[in-house]
PDB file of N, CA and C in Angstrom:
ATOM      1  N   MET A   1      11.680   5.599  64.187  1.00  0.00           N
ATOM      2  CA  MET A   1      12.208   5.161  63.130  1.00  0.00           C
ATOM      3  C   MET A   1      10.734   5.185  62.304  1.00  0.00           C
ATOM      4  N   LYS A   2       9.879   6.198  64.294  1.00  0.00           N
ATOM      5  CA  LYS A   2       8.676   5.866  63.779  1.00  0.00           C
ATOM      6  C   LYS A   2       8.433   7.705  63.353  1.00  0.00           C
ATOM      7  N   GLN A   3       9.353   8.607  63.986  1.00  0.00           N
ATOM      8  CA  GLN A   3       9.427   9.855  63.862  1.00  0.00           C
ATOM      9  C   GLN A   3       9.853  10.089  62.351  1.00  0.00           C
ATOM     10  N   SER A   4      10.601   9.472  62.079  1.00  0.00           N
ATOM     11  CA  SER A   4      11.439   9.757  60.822  1.00  0.00           C
ATOM     12  C   SER A   4      10.154   9.664  59.802  1.00  0.00           C
ATOM     13  N   ILE A   5       9.494   9.094  59.514  1.00  0.00           N
ATOM     14  CA  ILE A   5       8.484   8.503  58.990  1.00  0.00           C
ATOM     15  C   ILE A   5       7.415   9.825  58.834  1.00  0.00           C
ATOM     16  N   TYR A   6       7.006   9.748  59.385  1.00  0.00           N
ATOM     17  CA  TYR A   6       6.256  11.494  60.126  1.00  0.00           C
ATOM     18  C   TYR A   6       6.332  12.545  59.413  1.00  0.00           C
ATOM     19  N   ASP A   7       8.230  12.488  60.092  1.00  0.00           N
ATOM     20  CA  ASP A   7       8.522  13.990  59.280  1.00  0.00           C
ATOM     21  C   ASP A   7       8.601  14.161  58.020  1.00  0.00           C
ATOM     22  N   ILE A   8       8.756  12.448  56.621  1.00  0.00           N
ATOM     23  CA  ILE A   8       9.135  12.891  55.638  1.00  0.00           C
ATOM     24  C   ILE A   8       7.466  12.981  55.246  1.00  0.00           C
ATOM     25  N   LEU A   9       6.018  11.914  55.773  1.00  0.00           N
ATOM     26  CA  LEU A   9       5.350  12.830  55.591  1.00  0.00           C
ATOM     27  C   LEU A   9       4.799  14.023  55.503  1.00  0.00           C
ATOM     28  N   LYS A  10       4.828  14.576  56.789  1.00  0.00           N
ATOM     29  CA  LYS A  10       4.830  15.929  57.043  1.00  0.00           C
ATOM     30  C   LYS A  10       5.496  16.929  56.356  1.00  0.00           C
ATOM     31  N   GLY A  11       6.725  16.643  55.859  1.00  0.00           N
ATOM     32  CA  GLY A  11       7.015  17.416  54.475  1.00  0.00           C
ATOM     33  C   GLY A  11       8.424  18.347  54.993  1.00  0.00           C
ATOM     34  N   LYS A  12       8.303  17.875  56.439  1.00  0.00           N
ATOM     35  CA  LYS A  12       9.765  18.460  57.048  1.00  0.00           C
ATOM     36  C   LYS A  12      11.070  18.897  56.218  1.00  0.00           C
ATOM     37  N   PHE A  13      11.641  17.276  55.209  1.00  0.00           N
ATOM     38  CA  PHE A  13      12.768  17.374  54.618  1.00  0.00           C
ATOM     39  C   PHE A  13      12.683  18.324  54.116  1.00  0.00           C
ATOM     40  N   LEU A  14      11.391  19.687  53.494  1.00  0.00           N
ATOM     41  CA  LEU A  14      12.040  20.661  52.797  1.00  0.00           C
ATOM     42  C   LEU A  14      11.865  21.544  53.138  1.00  0.00           C
ATOM     43  N   ILE A  15      11.629  21.888  54.605  1.00  0.00           N
ATOM     44  CA  ILE A  15      11.996  23.267  54.959  1.00  0.00           C
ATOM     45  C   ILE A  15      12.768  23.571  55.922  1.00  0.00           C
ATOM     46  N   LYS A  16      13.550  22.179  56.008  1.00  0.00           N
ATOM     47  CA  LYS A  16      14.852  22.282  56.809  1.00  0.00           C
ATOM     48  C   LYS A  16      16.367  22.961  56.297  1.00  0.00           C
ATOM     49  N   ASP A  17      17.334  23.317  56.879  1.00  0.00           N
ATOM     50  CA  ASP A  17      18.249  24.192  56.330  1.00  0.00           C
ATOM     51  C   ASP A  17      18.680  23.763  54.970  1.00  0.00           C
ATOM     52  N   ASP A  18      19.173  22.434  54.995  1.00  0.00           N
ATOM     53  CA  ASP A  18      19.610  21.718  53.665  1.00  0.00           C
ATOM     54  C   ASP A  18      18.627  21.451  52.853  1.00  0.00           C
ATOM     55  N   ALA A  19      17.289  22.197  52.719  1.00  0.00           N
ATOM     56  CA  ALA A  19      16.412  21.469  52.307  1.00  0.00           C
ATOM     57  C   ALA A  19      16.578  22.000  50.913  1.00  0.00           C
ATOM     58  N   VAL A  20      17.622  22.496  50.250  1.00  0.00           N
ATOM     59  CA  VAL A  20      17.934  23.332  48.589  1.00  0.00           C
ATOM     60  C   VAL A  20      18.318  22.483  47.901  1.00  0.00           C
ATOM     61  N   LYS A  21      19.102  21.109  48.620  1.00  0.00           N
ATOM     62  CA  LYS A  21      19.634  20.002  47.262  1.00  0.00           C
ATOM     63  C   LYS A  21      18.417  19.026  47.035  1.00  0.00           C
ATOM     64  N   ASN A  22      18.064  19.153  48.467  1.00  0.00           N
ATOM     65  CA  ASN A  22      16.025  18.177  47.945  1.00  0.00           C
ATOM     66  C   ASN A  22      15.000  19.131  47.373  1.00  0.00           C
ATOM     67  N   TRP A  23      15.173  20.031  47.064  1.00  0.00           N
ATOM     68  CA  TRP A  23      14.421  20.998  46.171  1.00  0.00           C
ATOM     69  C   TRP A  23      15.113  20.722  44.387  1.00  0.00           C
ATOM     70  N   ARG A  24      16.333  20.771  44.398  1.00  0.00           N
ATOM     71  CA  ARG A  24      17.135  20.633  43.605  1.00  0.00           C
ATOM     72  C   ARG A  24      16.468  19.223  42.296  1.00  0.00           C
ATOM     73  N   PHE A  25      16.949  17.890  43.681  1.00  0.00           N
ATOM     74  CA  PHE A  25      16.627  16.837  42.979  1.00  0.00           C
ATOM     75  C   PHE A  25      14.937  16.613  42.209  1.00  0.00           C
ATOM     76  N   ILE A  26      14.105  17.339  43.307  1.00  0.00           N
ATOM     77  CA  ILE A  26      12.537  17.135  43.116  1.00  0.00           C
ATOM     78  C   ILE A  26      12.362  18.264  41.773  1.00  0.00           C
ATOM     79  N   VAL A  27      12.859  19.013  41.486  1.00  0.00           N
ATOM     80  CA  VAL A  27      12.932  19.704  40.519  1.00  0.00           C
ATOM     81  C   VAL A  27      13.164  18.961  38.991  1.00  0.00           C
ATOM     82  N   PHE A  28      14.663  18.471  39.395  1.00  0.00           N
ATOM     83  CA  PHE A  28      14.956  17.436  38.227  1.00  0.00           C
ATOM     84  C   PHE A  28      14.375  16.539  37.830  1.00  0.00           C
ATOM     85  N   ALA A  29      13.887  15.586  39.105  1.00  0.00           N
ATOM     86  CA  ALA A  29      13.014  14.569  39.147  1.00  0.00           C
ATOM     87  C   ALA A  29      11.630  14.548  38.386  1.00  0.00           C
ATOM     88  N   SER A  30      11.105  16.008  38.629  1.00  0.00           N
ATOM     89  CA  SER A  30       9.825  16.697  37.656  1.00  0.00           C
ATOM     90  C   SER A  30      10.296  16.521  36.339  1.00  0.00           C
ATOM     91  N   PHE A  31      11.179  17.270  35.841  1.00  0.00           N
ATOM     92  CA  PHE A  31      11.697  17.487  34.797  1.00  0.00           C
ATOM     93  C   PHE A  31      12.042  16.225  33.787  1.00  0.00           C
ATOM     94  N   LEU A  32      12.344  15.108  34.809  1.00  0.00           N
ATOM     95  CA  LEU A  32      12.427  14.063  33.574  1.00  0.00           C
ATOM     96  C   LEU A  32      11.408  13.068  33.621  1.00  0.00           C
ATOM     97  N   ALA A  33      10.296  13.757  34.635  1.00  0.00           N
ATOM     98  CA  ALA A  33       8.863  12.355  34.406  1.00  0.00           C
ATOM     99  C   ALA A  33       8.247  13.467  32.608  1.00  0.00           C
ATOM    100  N   LEU A  34       8.662  14.269  33.418  1.00  0.00           N
ATOM    101  CA  LEU A  34       7.520  15.548  32.216  1.00  0.00           C
ATOM    102  C   LEU A  34       8.366  15.360  30.348  1.00  0.00           C
ATOM    103  N   ILE A  35       9.169  15.125  30.634  1.00  0.00           N
ATOM    104  CA  ILE A  35      10.442  14.895  29.022  1.00  0.00           C
ATOM    105  C   ILE A  35       9.656  13.207  28.724  1.00  0.00           C
ATOM    106  N   MET A  36       9.419  11.984  29.760  1.00  0.00           N
ATOM    107  CA  MET A  36       8.974  10.936  29.710  1.00  0.00           C
ATOM    108  C   MET A  36       7.556  10.958  29.243  1.00  0.00           C
ATOM    109  N   ILE A  37       7.134  11.998  29.589  1.00  0.00           N
ATOM    110  CA  ILE A  37       5.322  11.850  29.624  1.00  0.00           C
ATOM    111  C   ILE A  37       5.107  12.588  27.849  1.00  0.00           C
ATOM    112  N   ALA A  38       6.219  13.266  27.070  1.00  0.00           N
ATOM    113  CA  ALA A  38       5.756  13.831  26.225  1.00  0.00           C
ATOM    114  C   ALA A  38       6.783  12.627  25.478  1.00  0.00           C
ATOM    115  N   SER A  39       7.651  12.482  25.598  1.00  0.00           N
ATOM    116  CA  SER A  39       8.206  11.431  24.928  1.00  0.00           C
ATOM    117  C   SER A  39       7.143   9.939  24.203  1.00  0.00           C
ATOM    118  N   SER A  40       6.685   9.944  25.397  1.00  0.00           N
ATOM    119  CA  SER A  40       5.278   8.217  25.464  1.00  0.00           C
ATOM    120  C   SER A  40       4.547   8.668  24.354  1.00  0.00           C
ATOM    121  N   HIS A  41       3.627   9.804  24.637  1.00  0.00           N
ATOM    122  CA  HIS A  41       3.035  10.629  23.704  1.00  0.00           C
ATOM    123  C   HIS A  41       3.278  11.068  22.416  1.00  0.00           C
ATOM    124  N   TRP A  42       4.568  11.254  22.039  1.00  0.00           N
ATOM    125  CA  TRP A  42       5.242  11.352  20.786  1.00  0.00           C
ATOM    126  C   TRP A  42       5.475   9.715  20.245  1.00  0.00           C
ATOM    127  N   ALA A  43       5.194   9.076  20.729  1.00  0.00           N
ATOM    128  CA  ALA A  43       5.441   7.478  20.152  1.00  0.00           C
ATOM    129  C   ALA A  43       4.257   7.011  20.103  1.00  0.00           C
ATOM    130  N   ASP A  44       3.045   7.196  21.073  1.00  0.00           N
ATOM    131  CA  ASP A  44       1.977   7.117  20.698  1.00  0.00           C
ATOM    132  C   ASP A  44       1.735   7.524  19.294  1.00  0.00           C
ATOM    133  N   GLU A  45       1.564   8.876  19.164  1.00  0.00           N
ATOM    134  CA  GLU A  45       1.303   9.428  17.881  1.00  0.00           C
ATOM    135  C   GLU A  45       1.641   8.865  16.951  1.00  0.00           C
ATOM    136  N   LYS A  46       3.160   8.501  16.944  1.00  0.00           N
ATOM    137  CA  LYS A  46       3.693   7.765  15.476  1.00  0.00           C
ATOM    138  C   LYS A  46       3.270   6.432  15.190  1.00  0.00           C
ATOM    139  N   VAL A  47       2.479   5.549  16.016  1.00  0.00           N
ATOM    140  CA  VAL A  47       1.988   4.662  16.240  1.00  0.00           C
ATOM    141  C   VAL A  47       0.736   4.306  15.371  1.00  0.00           C
ATOM    142  N   HIS A  48       0.146   5.710  15.887  1.00  0.00           N
ATOM    143  CA  HIS A  48      -1.659   5.857  15.204  1.00  0.00           C
ATOM    144  C   HIS A  48      -1.123   6.427  13.880  1.00  0.00           C
ATOM    145  N   LYS A  49      -0.683   6.978  13.537  1.00  0.00           N
ATOM    146  CA  LYS A  49       0.346   7.052  12.080  1.00  0.00           C
ATOM    147  C   LYS A  49       0.218   6.448  11.416  1.00  0.00           C
ATOM    148  N   ILE A  50       1.021   5.549  11.586  1.00  0.00           N
ATOM    149  CA  ILE A  50       1.780   4.452  11.236  1.00  0.00           C
ATOM    150  C   ILE A  50       0.735   3.264  10.945  1.00  0.00           C
ATOM    151  N   ALA A  51      -0.379   3.164  11.941  1.00  0.00           N
ATOM    152  CA  ALA A  51      -1.671   2.654  11.870  1.00  0.00           C
ATOM    153  C   ALA A  51      -2.572   2.871  10.425  1.00  0.00           C
ATOM    154  N   LYS A  52      -2.542   4.300  10.598  1.00  0.00           N
ATOM    155  CA  LYS A  52      -3.348   5.014   9.546  1.00  0.00           C
ATOM    156  C   LYS A  52      -2.909   4.264   8.466  1.00  0.00           C
ATOM    157  N   LEU A  53      -1.570   4.655   8.099  1.00  0.00           N
ATOM    158  CA  LEU A  53      -1.220   4.701   7.050  1.00  0.00           C
ATOM    159  C   LEU A  53      -1.105   3.397   6.497  1.00  0.00           C
ATOM    160  N   ASN A  54      -1.007   2.163   7.096  1.00  0.00           N
ATOM    161  CA  ASN A  54      -0.989   1.334   6.958  1.00  0.00           C
ATOM    162  C   ASN A  54      -2.354   0.415   6.453  1.00  0.00           C
ATOM    163  N   ASP A  55      -3.168   0.803   7.383  1.00  0.00           N
ATOM    164  CA  ASP A  55      -5.048   0.964   6.535  1.00  0.00           C
ATOM    165  C   ASP A  55      -4.937   1.293   4.978  1.00  0.00           C
ATOM    166  N   GLU A  56      -4.450   2.459   4.470  1.00  0.00           N
ATOM    167  CA  GLU A  56      -4.558   3.299   3.882  1.00  0.00           C
ATOM    168  C   GLU A  56      -4.367   2.451   2.329  1.00  0.00           C
ATOM    169  N   VAL A  57      -2.878   2.029   2.684  1.00  0.00           N
ATOM    170  CA  VAL A  57      -2.221   1.155   1.668  1.00  0.00           C
ATOM    171  C   VAL A  57      -2.570  -0.401   1.794  1.00  0.00           C
ATOM    172  N   LYS A  58      -3.711  -0.901   2.616  1.00  0.00           N
ATOM    173  CA  LYS A  58      -3.981  -2.052   1.875  1.00  0.00           C
ATOM    174  C   LYS A  58      -5.435  -1.759   1.308  1.00  0.00           C
ATOM    175  N   GLU A  59      -6.054  -0.856   1.767  1.00  0.00           N
ATOM    176  CA  GLU A  59      -6.914   0.206   0.640  1.00  0.00           C
ATOM    177  C   GLU A  59      -6.378  -0.005  -0.687  1.00  0.00           C
ATOM    178  N   LEU A  60      -5.559   0.809  -1.172  1.00  0.00           N
ATOM    179  CA  LEU A  60      -4.940   1.409  -2.075  1.00  0.00           C
ATOM    180  C   LEU A  60      -4.512   0.122  -2.874  1.00  0.00           C
ATOM    181  N   LYS A  61      -3.603  -0.947  -2.758  1.00  0.00           N
ATOM    182  CA  LYS A  61      -3.669  -2.274  -3.223  1.00  0.00           C
ATOM    183  C   LYS A  61      -5.339  -3.117  -3.005  1.00  0.00           C
ATOM    184  N   SER A  62      -5.457  -2.665  -2.834  1.00  0.00           N
ATOM    185  CA  SER A  62      -7.424  -3.735  -2.990  1.00  0.00           C
ATOM    186  C   SER A  62      -7.833  -2.745  -4.531  1.00  0.00           C
ATOM    187  N   GLN A  63      -7.808  -1.784  -4.765  1.00  0.00           N
ATOM    188  CA  GLN A  63      -7.819  -0.743  -5.560  1.00  0.00           C
ATOM    189  C   GLN A  63      -6.962  -1.238  -6.648  1.00  0.00           C
ATOM    190  N   PHE A  64      -5.469  -1.077  -6.835  1.00  0.00           N
ATOM    191  CA  PHE A  64      -4.945  -1.014  -7.389  1.00  0.00           C
ATOM    192  C   PHE A  64      -5.416  -3.083  -7.996  1.00  0.00           C
ATOM    193  N   VAL A  65      -5.669  -3.938  -7.029  1.00  0.00           N
ATOM    194  CA  VAL A  65      -6.197  -5.166  -7.900  1.00  0.00           C
ATOM    195  C   VAL A  65      -7.244  -5.079  -8.387  1.00  0.00           C
ATOM    196  N   ASP A  66      -8.212  -4.636  -8.169  1.00  0.00           N
ATOM    197  CA  ASP A  66      -9.593  -4.057  -9.155  1.00  0.00           C
ATOM    198  C   ASP A  66      -9.309  -3.847 -10.291  1.00  0.00           C
ATOM    199  N   ALA A  67      -8.668  -2.591 -10.562  1.00  0.00           N
ATOM    200  CA  ALA A  67      -8.381  -1.804 -11.229  1.00  0.00           C
ATOM    201  C   ALA A  67      -7.951  -2.516 -12.595  1.00  0.00           C
ATOM    202  N   ARG A  68      -6.218  -3.413 -11.969  1.00  0.00           N
ATOM    203  CA  ARG A  68      -5.795  -4.696 -12.779  1.00  0.00           C
ATOM    204  C   ARG A  68      -6.665  -6.144 -13.468  1.00  0.00           C
ATOM    205  N   THR A  69      -7.972  -6.110 -12.355  1.00  0.00           N
ATOM    206  CA  THR A  69      -8.895  -6.732 -12.962  1.00  0.00           C
ATOM    207  C   THR A  69      -9.586  -6.765 -14.306  1.00  0.00           C
ATOM    208  N   THR A  70      -9.859  -5.498 -13.493  1.00  0.00           N
ATOM    209  CA  THR A  70     -11.069  -5.082 -15.209  1.00  0.00           C
ATOM    210  C   THR A  70     -10.022  -4.544 -16.246  1.00  0.00           C
ATOM    211  N   LEU A  71      -8.632  -4.215 -16.049  1.00  0.00           N
ATOM    212  CA  LEU A  71      -8.028  -4.186 -17.424  1.00  0.00           C
ATOM    213  C   LEU A  71      -8.051  -5.246 -18.368  1.00  0.00           C
ATOM    214  N   GLN A  72      -7.504  -6.753 -16.953  1.00  0.00           N
ATOM    215  CA  GLN A  72      -7.458  -7.810 -18.144  1.00  0.00           C
ATOM    216  C   GLN A  72      -8.476  -8.486 -18.483  1.00  0.00           C
ATOM    217  N   GLN A  73     -10.032  -8.104 -17.936  1.00  0.00           N
ATOM    218  CA  GLN A  73     -10.743  -8.495 -18.683  1.00  0.00           C
ATOM    219  C   GLN A  73     -11.307  -7.138 -19.958  1.00  0.00           C
ATOM    220  N   LEU A  74     -10.732  -5.956 -20.245  1.00  0.00           N
ATOM    221  CA  LEU A  74     -11.250  -5.471 -20.751  1.00  0.00           C
ATOM    222  C   LEU A  74      -9.996  -5.756 -22.393  1.00  0.00           C
ATOM    223  N   LYS A  75      -8.842  -6.503 -21.688  1.00  0.00           N
ATOM    224  CA  LYS A  75      -7.863  -6.398 -23.233  1.00  0.00           C
ATOM    225  C   LYS A  75      -8.380  -7.747 -23.170  1.00  0.00           C
ATOM    226  N   LEU A  76      -9.420  -8.732 -23.213  1.00  0.00           N
ATOM    227  CA  LEU A  76      -9.428  -9.945 -23.740  1.00  0.00           C
ATOM    228  C   LEU A  76     -10.142 -10.166 -24.703  1.00  0.00           C
ATOM    229  N   GLU A  77      -9.619 -10.974 -25.831  1.00  0.00           N
ATOM    230  CA  GLU A  77     -10.363 -10.842 -27.578  1.00  0.00           C
ATOM    231  C   GLU A  77     -11.455 -10.605 -27.421  1.00  0.00           C
ATOM    232  N   SER A  78     -12.555 -11.604 -26.481  1.00  0.00           N
ATOM    233  CA  SER A  78     -14.134 -12.173 -26.497  1.00  0.00           C
ATOM    234  C   SER A  78     -14.797 -10.603 -26.578  1.00  0.00           C
ATOM    235  N   HIS A  79     -13.827  -9.700 -25.038  1.00  0.00           N
ATOM    236  CA  HIS A  79     -14.583  -8.509 -25.379  1.00  0.00           C
ATOM    237  C   HIS A  79     -14.542  -7.477 -25.945  1.00  0.00           C
ATOM    238  N   ILE A  80     -13.305  -6.960 -26.790  1.00  0.00           N
ATOM    239  CA  ILE A  80     -13.441  -6.603 -27.486  1.00  0.00           C
ATOM    240  C   ILE A  80     -13.613  -6.668 -28.967  1.00  0.00           C
ATOM    241  N   THR A  81     -14.222  -8.061 -29.134  1.00  0.00           N
ATOM    242  CA  THR A  81     -14.676  -8.758 -30.438  1.00  0.00           C
ATOM    243  C   THR A  81     -16.475  -7.879 -30.444  1.00  0.00           C
ATOM    244  N   GLU A  82     -16.698  -8.213 -28.975  1.00  0.00           N
ATOM    245  CA  GLU A  82     -18.394  -7.685 -28.687  1.00  0.00           C
ATOM    246  C   GLU A  82     -18.015  -6.248 -28.786  1.00  0.00           C
ATOM    247  N   LYS A  83     -16.958  -5.351 -28.260  1.00  0.00           N
ATOM    248  CA  LYS A  83     -17.102  -4.114 -28.173  1.00  0.00           C
ATOM    249  C   LYS A  83     -17.190  -3.679 -30.045  1.00  0.00           C
ATOM    250  N   VAL A  84     -16.109  -4.352 -31.110  1.00  0.00           N
ATOM    251  CA  VAL A  84     -16.222  -3.624 -32.338  1.00  0.00           C
ATOM    252  C   VAL A  84     -17.068  -4.155 -33.167  1.00  0.00           C
ATOM    253  N   SER A  85     -18.178  -5.637 -32.669  1.00  0.00           N
ATOM    254  CA  SER A  85     -18.883  -5.942 -33.731  1.00  0.00           C
ATOM    255  C   SER A  85     -20.152  -5.253 -33.856  1.00  0.00           C
ATOM    256  N   ALA A  86     -20.288  -3.648 -33.090  1.00  0.00           N
ATOM    257  CA  ALA A  86     -21.177  -2.773 -33.273  1.00  0.00           C
ATOM    258  C   ALA A  86     -20.737  -1.804 -34.292  1.00  0.00           C
ATOM    259  N   ARG A  87     -19.535  -1.696 -34.649  1.00  0.00           N
ATOM    260  CA  ARG A  87     -19.000  -1.355 -35.727  1.00  0.00           C
ATOM    261  C   ARG A  87     -18.997  -1.815 -36.628  1.00  0.00           C
ATOM    262  N   GLY A  88     -19.140  -2.882 -36.670  1.00  0.00           N
ATOM    263  CA  GLY A  88     -19.373  -3.794 -38.374  1.00  0.00           C
ATOM    264  C   GLY A  88     -17.620  -4.548 -38.642  1.00  0.00           C
ATOM    265  N   LEU A  89     -17.658  -4.755 -37.321  1.00  0.00           N
ATOM    266  CA  LEU A  89     -15.783  -5.679 -37.518  1.00  0.00           C
ATOM    267  C   LEU A  89     -15.692  -6.787 -37.018  1.00  0.00           C
ATOM    268  N   ALA A  90     -15.151  -7.531 -37.584  1.00  0.00           N
ATOM    269  CA  ALA A  90     -15.057  -8.777 -37.163  1.00  0.00           C
ATOM    270  C   ALA A  90     -14.109  -9.321 -37.512  1.00  0.00           C
ATOM    271  N   PRO A  91     -13.231 -10.504 -36.384  1.00  0.00           N
ATOM    272  CA  PRO A  91     -12.286 -11.295 -36.656  1.00  0.00           C
ATOM    273  C   PRO A  91     -12.121 -11.843 -37.729  1.00  0.00           C
ATOM    274  N   SER A  92     -10.931 -11.785 -38.377  1.00  0.00           N
ATOM    275  CA  SER A  92     -10.573 -12.379 -39.594  1.00  0.00           C
ATOM    276  C   SER A  92     -10.276 -14.007 -39.658  1.00  0.00           C
ATOM    277  N   GLU A  93     -11.115 -13.923 -41.147  1.00  0.00           N
ATOM    278  CA  GLU A  93     -11.338 -15.527 -40.647  1.00  0.00           C
ATOM    279  C   GLU A  93      -9.937 -16.848 -41.353  1.00  0.00           C
ATOM    280  N   ASN A  94      -8.624 -15.887 -42.592  1.00  0.00           N
ATOM    281  CA  ASN A  94      -7.843 -16.464 -42.446  1.00  0.00           C
ATOM    282  C   ASN A  94      -6.319 -16.448 -41.130  1.00  0.00           C
ATOM    283  N   PRO A  95      -5.464 -16.671 -40.890  1.00  0.00           N
ATOM    284  CA  PRO A  95      -4.575 -16.304 -40.174  1.00  0.00           C
ATOM    285  C   PRO A  95      -3.531 -15.528 -40.781  1.00  0.00           C
ATOM    286  N   PRO A  96      -2.948 -15.095 -40.091  1.00  0.00           N
ATOM    287  CA  PRO A  96      -1.799 -14.237 -40.644  1.00  0.00           C
ATOM    288  C   PRO A  96      -0.735 -14.390 -41.141  1.00  0.00           C
ATOM    289  N   LYS A  97      -0.273 -14.288 -42.041  1.00  0.00           N
ATOM    290  CA  LYS A  97       0.909 -14.574 -42.147  1.00  0.00           C
ATOM    291  C   LYS A  97       2.154 -13.715 -42.567  1.00  0.00           C
ATOM    292  N   LYS A  98       3.584 -14.191 -42.606  1.00  0.00           N
ATOM    293  CA  LYS A  98       4.643 -13.622 -42.479  1.00  0.00           C
ATOM    294  C   LYS A  98       5.091 -13.001 -43.308  1.00  0.00           C
ATOM    295  N   ILE A  99       5.728 -11.956 -43.847  1.00  0.00           N
ATOM    296  CA  ILE A  99       6.549 -11.582 -44.662  1.00  0.00           C
ATOM    297  C   ILE A  99       7.325 -11.553 -44.463  1.00  0.00           C
ATOM    298  N   ARG A 100       8.496 -12.178 -45.526  1.00  0.00           N
ATOM    299  CA  ARG A 100       9.747 -12.272 -45.467  1.00  0.00           C
ATOM    300  C   ARG A 100       9.794 -11.576 -46.867  1.00  0.00           C
ATOM    301  N   VAL A 101      10.827 -10.316 -46.475  1.00  0.00           N
ATOM    302  CA  VAL A 101      12.005 -10.004 -47.210  1.00  0.00           C
ATOM    303  C   VAL A 101      13.329 -10.143 -47.289  1.00  0.00           C
ATOM    304  N   THR A 102      13.837 -10.878 -48.305  1.00  0.00           N
ATOM    305  CA  THR A 102      15.252 -11.425 -48.602  1.00  0.00           C
ATOM    306  C   THR A 102      16.282 -10.107 -49.119  1.00  0.00           C
ATOM    307  N   THR A 103      17.332  -9.863 -48.956  1.00  0.00           N
ATOM    308  CA  THR A 103      17.774  -8.901 -50.318  1.00  0.00           C
ATOM    309  C   THR A 103      19.084  -9.739 -50.690  1.00  0.00           C
ATOM    310  N   GLN A 104      18.727  -8.820 -51.628  1.00  0.00           N
ATOM    311  CA  GLN A 104      19.943  -9.270 -53.244  1.00  0.00           C
ATOM    312  C   GLN A 104      21.261  -9.087 -53.272  1.00  0.00           C
ATOM    313  N   GLU A 105      22.572  -9.438 -53.175  1.00  0.00           N
ATOM    314  CA  GLU A 105      23.554  -8.943 -53.276  1.00  0.00           C
ATOM    315  C   GLU A 105      24.184  -9.487 -54.381  1.00  0.00           C
TER     316      GLU A 105
END
């Protein structure tokens, strides 16, 4: 038992006559390890990209809300009255009346 552990640690299983199948397995395991590492890196890149895009979406949403609030304030009657009063315009004193057109047959 002790001798077999020493043989493994010294690497004798790699230089024996039937070592070709051991080398094949080692190359195969190394290839799989490389694929696994590359896959995890690609997944990490995607996670970082998603986080960046989520931050950008939040920023754009806040800009949209700010612009919508500004637009609503600009559309208020009091604001419009204030802007056009410099040109001499004022709101009407009399409310508007509906004009109804009836056709006679």
